[in-house]
Every structure is written in C-alpha cells, then in structure tokens.
Amino acid sequence: MKSGEISAPELLKKLNSRDVQIIHISSKESFEKKRIKNSIWVPFNQLERLDFRSLDKSKVQVIYCKNRSCMSAKLIADLLADNGYQSLVYAGGIEEWLDLGFPLD
C-alpha cells in the first residue's frame, strides 16, 4: 500500500488538529535544533524495525525528515501504510518548512 503526500500549506492547516501526529524521523540532534510545531521525534530505525509503540493508530501519521532528497520519510510512510496506519509524507521536510517561515517548536 502506498502512503499519500501532504503539502506544506495543507500541513500548516492541520498543525493543531487532534487527528494528526507529525513525526520527525531525522536525528535527535536535528529534532532538538529545529522541528515543525507539534511534531514528535521517533527514530527512523525504530520505525524501520516495525516498532510502532509510540504511534496512535487513530491518527493520521505525517512523516518528514530533512528535505526532498531524503527518501526515508517516504519509506517510513509507506511502511506505516502497509501496516494499517493512515500515513502521509511531507516531502519538503524541515528545510522547506523553514524556507516558508512556518511555525516551529
């Protein structure tokens, strides 16, 4: 099963939604420096090992990493979709988010 994709403006509209969980999968150091508002950090390797304990299956999972050249977000979003989660990839990543001046934590 394939995940969907969400654009920056669409994600901006959903930032405070209780139906969405935004997941940063880059390094912990990257997450601590700059992250999309209301996002959580889940290590890539945890999700790659199918360890989904930190995810709420009732929410749409939005996965992002550094930028469009990072294929990890798409890989994880597809993996989640294959395991019954609603998942979207924000392909622009933190770099695009910063360029747009959208809210950070």
Protein backbone atom coordinates (compact mmCIF):
# COMPACT_ATOMS: atom_id res chain seq x y z
CA MET A 1 0.00 0.00 0.00
CA LYS A 2 1.25 3.48 -0.82
CA SER A 3 1.15 6.46 1.50
CA GLY A 4 -0.14 9.81 0.36
CA GLU A 5 1.66 13.13 0.29
CA ILE A 6 0.79 16.38 2.05
CA SER A 7 1.95 19.85 1.00
CA ALA A 8 3.31 22.48 3.36
CA PRO A 9 0.15 24.64 3.19
CA GLU A 10 -2.04 21.58 3.87
CA LEU A 11 0.12 20.57 6.83
CA LEU A 12 0.05 24.14 8.16
CA LYS A 13 -3.77 23.92 8.29
CA LYS A 14 -3.56 20.67 10.28
CA LEU A 15 -0.88 21.72 12.81
CA ASN A 16 -3.28 21.89 15.73
CA SER A 17 -5.53 19.03 14.68
CA ARG A 18 -6.06 16.25 17.19
CA ASP A 19 -6.41 13.85 14.25
CA VAL A 20 -2.81 14.23 13.08
CA GLN A 21 0.52 13.10 14.55
CA ILE A 22 3.53 14.81 12.96
CA ILE A 23 6.70 12.72 13.14
CA HIS A 24 10.28 13.91 12.66
CA ILE A 25 12.50 10.93 11.75
CA SER A 26 15.87 12.67 11.35
CA SER A 27 18.45 12.63 14.13
CA LYS A 28 17.63 13.60 17.71
CA GLU A 29 20.12 16.46 17.36
CA SER A 30 18.28 17.77 14.29
CA PHE A 31 14.94 17.46 16.10
CA GLU A 32 16.24 19.40 19.11
CA LYS A 33 17.54 22.25 16.90
CA LYS A 34 14.50 22.84 14.68
CA ARG A 35 11.25 20.99 14.23
CA ILE A 36 7.79 21.56 12.82
CA LYS A 37 5.42 22.80 15.51
CA ASN A 38 3.71 19.99 17.45
CA SER A 39 5.90 17.27 15.98
CA ILE A 40 7.36 14.35 17.90
CA TRP A 41 10.66 12.56 17.31
CA VAL A 42 10.62 8.88 16.53
CA PRO A 43 13.93 7.37 15.40
CA PHE A 44 13.97 6.08 11.82
CA ASN A 45 15.47 2.75 12.89
CA GLN A 46 12.69 2.19 15.45
CA LEU A 47 10.04 2.52 12.76
CA GLU A 48 12.11 0.54 10.26
CA ARG A 49 12.09 -2.34 12.80
CA LEU A 50 8.26 -2.12 12.86
CA ASP A 51 8.30 -0.78 16.41
CA PHE A 52 5.21 1.46 16.33
CA ARG A 53 4.52 1.69 20.09
CA SER A 54 4.84 5.50 20.11
CA LEU A 55 2.21 5.93 17.38
CA ASP A 56 -1.51 6.48 17.82
CA LYS A 57 -3.27 4.35 15.21
CA SER A 58 -6.38 6.54 15.41
CA LYS A 59 -4.42 9.50 13.97
CA VAL A 60 -3.04 10.25 10.53
CA GLN A 61 0.74 9.94 10.71
CA VAL A 62 2.62 12.70 8.86
CA ILE A 63 6.27 11.77 8.36
CA TYR A 64 9.05 14.21 7.50
CA CYS A 65 12.81 14.46 7.54
CA LYS A 66 15.37 16.92 6.12
CA ASN A 67 14.30 17.73 2.56
CA ARG A 68 13.02 16.34 -0.75
CA SER A 69 16.22 14.36 -1.34
CA CYS A 70 15.60 12.37 1.87
CA MET A 71 13.79 9.20 0.84
CA SER A 72 13.47 7.94 4.43
CA ALA A 73 10.20 9.79 5.07
CA LYS A 74 8.54 8.16 2.05
CA LEU A 75 9.90 4.75 3.04
CA ILE A 76 8.50 5.03 6.57
CA ALA A 77 5.16 6.46 5.42
CA ASP A 78 4.75 3.51 3.02
CA LEU A 79 5.80 1.06 5.75
CA LEU A 80 3.16 2.51 8.06
CA ALA A 81 0.53 2.31 5.31
CA ASP A 82 1.46 -1.35 4.76
CA ASN A 83 0.83 -1.94 8.47
CA GLY A 84 -2.63 -0.41 8.60
CA TYR A 85 -1.81 3.18 9.54
CA GLN A 86 -3.12 6.22 7.71
CA SER A 87 0.09 7.94 6.68
CA LEU A 88 1.23 10.91 4.67
CA VAL A 89 4.70 12.10 3.76
CA TYR A 90 5.67 15.76 3.93
CA ALA A 91 8.43 15.54 1.34
CA GLY A 92 9.67 19.13 1.67
CA GLY A 93 10.96 18.38 5.14
CA ILE A 94 12.26 20.80 7.68
CA GLU A 95 14.28 22.74 5.09
CA GLU A 96 11.22 23.70 3.04
CA TRP A 97 9.25 24.43 6.24
CA LEU A 98 11.99 26.84 7.38
CA ASP A 99 12.18 28.50 3.95
CA LEU A 100 8.42 29.15 4.11
CA GLY A 101 8.71 30.66 7.59
CA PHE A 102 6.09 28.29 9.02
CA PRO A 103 5.78 27.66 12.81
CA LEU A 104 8.48 25.79 14.72
CA ASP A 105 8.84 24.43 18.22
